[in-house]
Amino acid sequence: MASIQIERTNNENGLSLLRRFNKRIQGAGIVKAVRGNRYKERNKSPLTRKKRALNQLRRRTEIIALVKLGKLPDKMSKPNS
C-alpha cells in the first residue's frame, strides 16, 4: 500500500486536515482495497486439502460398504412432508 503523508498548514484546523487526509486515502484506492479484503478467506494449506480429500474418500467407501450390507438405503431421500 502507498503511504499517505499529510502535513498540517499553519491555519488549518483538525477537521479540514482529516477531510484532506480522507480524500487522499480514497484517491489512492486504499479504502477500496481494504474493503475488498474484508471478508476474504485464507487459502487452505496443501496438507489440509489432502487430509480433507482423504477423509471424503474414506467416508465414501464406508457408505458404499454399508449400502452393500443393506444397513443404509440405496439413495438418501428426503422424508415426505
N, C-alpha and C. Protein backbone atom coordinates (compact mmCIF):
# COMPACT_ATOMS: atom_id res chain seq x y z
N MET A 1 0.84 -1.18 0.00
CA MET A 1 0.00 0.00 0.00
C MET A 1 0.88 1.24 0.00
N ALA A 2 0.32 2.26 -0.56
CA ALA A 2 1.05 3.53 -0.61
C ALA A 2 0.94 4.22 0.73
N SER A 3 2.01 4.87 1.12
CA SER A 3 1.95 5.62 2.37
C SER A 3 1.50 7.04 2.05
N ILE A 4 0.55 7.51 2.82
CA ILE A 4 -0.01 8.84 2.60
C ILE A 4 0.50 9.74 3.72
N GLN A 5 1.09 10.86 3.34
CA GLN A 5 1.58 11.81 4.33
C GLN A 5 0.87 13.13 4.14
N ILE A 6 0.33 13.65 5.21
CA ILE A 6 -0.36 14.93 5.19
C ILE A 6 0.27 15.79 6.28
N GLU A 7 0.63 17.00 5.92
CA GLU A 7 1.18 17.93 6.92
C GLU A 7 0.18 19.06 7.13
N ARG A 8 0.05 19.42 8.36
CA ARG A 8 -0.89 20.47 8.73
C ARG A 8 -0.29 21.84 8.40
N THR A 9 -1.09 22.66 7.72
CA THR A 9 -0.64 24.02 7.45
C THR A 9 -0.90 24.87 8.68
N ASN A 10 -0.34 26.06 8.72
CA ASN A 10 -0.41 26.85 9.95
C ASN A 10 -1.82 27.31 10.30
N ASN A 11 -2.72 27.52 9.33
CA ASN A 11 -4.07 27.97 9.64
C ASN A 11 -5.12 26.88 9.55
N GLU A 12 -4.71 25.64 9.37
CA GLU A 12 -5.66 24.57 9.13
C GLU A 12 -6.15 23.96 10.45
N ASN A 13 -7.46 23.76 10.55
CA ASN A 13 -7.98 23.12 11.76
C ASN A 13 -8.01 21.60 11.55
N GLY A 14 -8.31 20.89 12.61
CA GLY A 14 -8.25 19.43 12.59
C GLY A 14 -9.26 18.81 11.65
N LEU A 15 -10.45 19.42 11.54
CA LEU A 15 -11.48 18.86 10.69
C LEU A 15 -11.10 18.92 9.21
N SER A 16 -10.55 20.04 8.78
CA SER A 16 -10.16 20.13 7.38
C SER A 16 -8.94 19.25 7.09
N LEU A 17 -8.07 19.08 8.07
CA LEU A 17 -6.93 18.17 7.91
C LEU A 17 -7.42 16.74 7.72
N LEU A 18 -8.39 16.34 8.53
CA LEU A 18 -8.96 15.00 8.41
C LEU A 18 -9.66 14.81 7.08
N ARG A 19 -10.40 15.81 6.64
CA ARG A 19 -11.09 15.74 5.35
C ARG A 19 -10.09 15.59 4.21
N ARG A 20 -9.01 16.34 4.26
CA ARG A 20 -7.98 16.26 3.22
C ARG A 20 -7.30 14.88 3.23
N PHE A 21 -7.07 14.35 4.41
CA PHE A 21 -6.49 13.02 4.54
C PHE A 21 -7.41 11.96 3.94
N ASN A 22 -8.70 12.04 4.25
CA ASN A 22 -9.66 11.07 3.72
C ASN A 22 -9.73 11.13 2.20
N LYS A 23 -9.66 12.33 1.64
CA LYS A 23 -9.68 12.47 0.19
C LYS A 23 -8.46 11.80 -0.45
N ARG A 24 -7.32 11.97 0.17
CA ARG A 24 -6.09 11.34 -0.36
C ARG A 24 -6.17 9.82 -0.28
N ILE A 25 -6.70 9.33 0.83
CA ILE A 25 -6.83 7.88 1.02
C ILE A 25 -7.75 7.30 -0.05
N GLN A 26 -8.90 7.94 -0.27
CA GLN A 26 -9.84 7.44 -1.27
C GLN A 26 -9.27 7.57 -2.68
N GLY A 27 -8.56 8.64 -2.94
CA GLY A 27 -7.95 8.82 -4.25
C GLY A 27 -6.90 7.77 -4.55
N ALA A 28 -6.19 7.33 -3.52
CA ALA A 28 -5.15 6.31 -3.72
C ALA A 28 -5.73 4.91 -3.85
N GLY A 29 -7.03 4.75 -3.56
CA GLY A 29 -7.67 3.44 -3.68
C GLY A 29 -7.45 2.54 -2.49
N ILE A 30 -6.98 3.08 -1.39
CA ILE A 30 -6.70 2.25 -0.21
C ILE A 30 -7.99 1.77 0.43
N VAL A 31 -9.00 2.63 0.52
CA VAL A 31 -10.27 2.25 1.14
C VAL A 31 -10.91 1.12 0.36
N LYS A 32 -10.90 1.22 -0.95
CA LYS A 32 -11.49 0.19 -1.80
C LYS A 32 -10.77 -1.15 -1.62
N ALA A 33 -9.46 -1.10 -1.55
CA ALA A 33 -8.68 -2.34 -1.39
C ALA A 33 -8.95 -2.99 -0.04
N VAL A 34 -9.02 -2.20 1.01
CA VAL A 34 -9.24 -2.75 2.35
C VAL A 34 -10.64 -3.35 2.46
N ARG A 35 -11.62 -2.66 1.90
CA ARG A 35 -12.99 -3.19 1.94
C ARG A 35 -13.11 -4.46 1.11
N GLY A 36 -12.34 -4.55 0.04
CA GLY A 36 -12.37 -5.75 -0.77
C GLY A 36 -11.77 -6.96 -0.06
N ASN A 37 -10.80 -6.71 0.81
CA ASN A 37 -10.15 -7.81 1.54
C ASN A 37 -10.84 -8.16 2.84
N ARG A 38 -11.89 -7.46 3.19
CA ARG A 38 -12.52 -7.62 4.49
C ARG A 38 -12.98 -9.04 4.76
N TYR A 39 -13.66 -9.66 3.81
CA TYR A 39 -14.24 -10.99 4.02
C TYR A 39 -13.48 -12.09 3.29
N LYS A 40 -12.30 -11.80 2.85
CA LYS A 40 -11.52 -12.79 2.12
C LYS A 40 -11.02 -13.87 3.08
N GLU A 41 -11.16 -15.11 2.66
CA GLU A 41 -10.69 -16.22 3.49
C GLU A 41 -9.30 -16.63 3.04
N ARG A 42 -8.55 -17.15 3.99
CA ARG A 42 -7.22 -17.65 3.66
C ARG A 42 -7.33 -18.90 2.81
N ASN A 43 -6.34 -19.13 1.98
CA ASN A 43 -6.28 -20.38 1.22
C ASN A 43 -5.90 -21.51 2.16
N LYS A 44 -6.51 -22.67 1.93
CA LYS A 44 -6.18 -23.84 2.74
C LYS A 44 -4.80 -24.35 2.35
N SER A 45 -4.07 -24.84 3.34
CA SER A 45 -2.74 -25.37 3.05
C SER A 45 -2.87 -26.69 2.28
N PRO A 46 -1.86 -27.07 1.53
CA PRO A 46 -1.94 -28.33 0.78
C PRO A 46 -2.17 -29.53 1.68
N LEU A 47 -1.58 -29.54 2.85
CA LEU A 47 -1.78 -30.67 3.77
C LEU A 47 -3.23 -30.75 4.23
N THR A 48 -3.83 -29.62 4.52
CA THR A 48 -5.23 -29.60 4.96
C THR A 48 -6.15 -30.09 3.84
N ARG A 49 -5.87 -29.64 2.61
CA ARG A 49 -6.69 -30.09 1.48
C ARG A 49 -6.55 -31.59 1.26
N LYS A 50 -5.33 -32.09 1.42
CA LYS A 50 -5.09 -33.52 1.23
C LYS A 50 -5.82 -34.34 2.30
N LYS A 51 -5.76 -33.88 3.55
CA LYS A 51 -6.44 -34.60 4.63
C LYS A 51 -7.95 -34.64 4.40
N ARG A 52 -8.50 -33.51 3.95
CA ARG A 52 -9.93 -33.45 3.70
C ARG A 52 -10.32 -34.40 2.57
N ALA A 53 -9.52 -34.44 1.51
CA ALA A 53 -9.81 -35.32 0.39
C ALA A 53 -9.75 -36.79 0.82
N LEU A 54 -8.77 -37.11 1.65
CA LEU A 54 -8.65 -38.50 2.12
C LEU A 54 -9.82 -38.88 3.01
N ASN A 55 -10.26 -37.97 3.86
CA ASN A 55 -11.42 -38.24 4.72
C ASN A 55 -12.68 -38.44 3.88
N GLN A 56 -12.84 -37.64 2.82
CA GLN A 56 -14.01 -37.81 1.96
C GLN A 56 -13.99 -39.16 1.26
N LEU A 57 -12.81 -39.57 0.78
CA LEU A 57 -12.70 -40.88 0.14
C LEU A 57 -13.01 -42.01 1.11
N ARG A 58 -12.47 -41.89 2.33
CA ARG A 58 -12.72 -42.92 3.35
C ARG A 58 -14.20 -43.01 3.68
N ARG A 59 -14.84 -41.86 3.85
CA ARG A 59 -16.26 -41.84 4.19
C ARG A 59 -17.10 -42.39 3.04
N ARG A 60 -16.72 -42.07 1.81
CA ARG A 60 -17.47 -42.55 0.65
C ARG A 60 -17.40 -44.08 0.57
N THR A 61 -16.21 -44.65 0.82
CA THR A 61 -16.09 -46.11 0.78
C THR A 61 -16.88 -46.76 1.91
N GLU A 62 -16.92 -46.10 3.08
CA GLU A 62 -17.72 -46.63 4.19
C GLU A 62 -19.20 -46.66 3.83
N ILE A 63 -19.69 -45.62 3.22
CA ILE A 63 -21.10 -45.55 2.85
C ILE A 63 -21.43 -46.60 1.80
N ILE A 64 -20.55 -46.77 0.82
CA ILE A 64 -20.77 -47.80 -0.20
C ILE A 64 -20.84 -49.18 0.45
N ALA A 65 -19.94 -49.44 1.39
CA ALA A 65 -19.94 -50.74 2.07
C ALA A 65 -21.24 -50.94 2.87
N LEU A 66 -21.72 -49.89 3.55
CA LEU A 66 -22.95 -50.00 4.32
C LEU A 66 -24.16 -50.21 3.42
N VAL A 67 -24.15 -49.60 2.24
CA VAL A 67 -25.26 -49.80 1.30
C VAL A 67 -25.26 -51.25 0.81
N LYS A 68 -24.07 -51.79 0.55
CA LYS A 68 -23.98 -53.17 0.08
C LYS A 68 -24.44 -54.15 1.15
N LEU A 69 -24.20 -53.82 2.42
CA LEU A 69 -24.65 -54.68 3.52
C LEU A 69 -26.13 -54.50 3.83
N GLY A 70 -26.74 -53.49 3.25
CA GLY A 70 -28.16 -53.25 3.48
C GLY A 70 -28.45 -52.43 4.72
N LYS A 71 -27.43 -51.84 5.30
CA LYS A 71 -27.62 -51.04 6.51
C LYS A 71 -28.03 -49.60 6.21
N LEU A 72 -27.83 -49.18 4.96
CA LEU A 72 -28.26 -47.86 4.52
C LEU A 72 -29.09 -48.04 3.25
N PRO A 73 -30.09 -47.19 3.04
CA PRO A 73 -30.86 -47.28 1.79
C PRO A 73 -29.97 -46.89 0.60
N ASP A 74 -30.38 -47.37 -0.59
CA ASP A 74 -29.58 -47.08 -1.78
C ASP A 74 -29.42 -45.59 -2.01
N LYS A 75 -30.52 -44.87 -1.95
CA LYS A 75 -30.47 -43.42 -2.14
C LYS A 75 -31.00 -42.75 -0.90
N MET A 76 -30.27 -41.76 -0.45
CA MET A 76 -30.74 -41.00 0.69
C MET A 76 -31.81 -40.04 0.18
N SER A 77 -33.04 -40.27 0.54
CA SER A 77 -34.13 -39.41 0.06
C SER A 77 -34.67 -38.59 1.21
N LYS A 78 -35.30 -37.47 0.84
CA LYS A 78 -35.88 -36.60 1.85
C LYS A 78 -37.18 -37.24 2.36
N PRO A 79 -37.49 -37.06 3.64
CA PRO A 79 -38.76 -37.58 4.13
C PRO A 79 -39.92 -36.80 3.51
N ASN A 80 -41.01 -37.48 3.29
CA ASN A 80 -42.19 -36.82 2.69
C ASN A 80 -42.75 -35.81 3.68
N SER A 81 -42.98 -34.62 3.16
CA SER A 81 -43.53 -33.60 4.05
C SER A 81 -44.81 -33.02 3.52
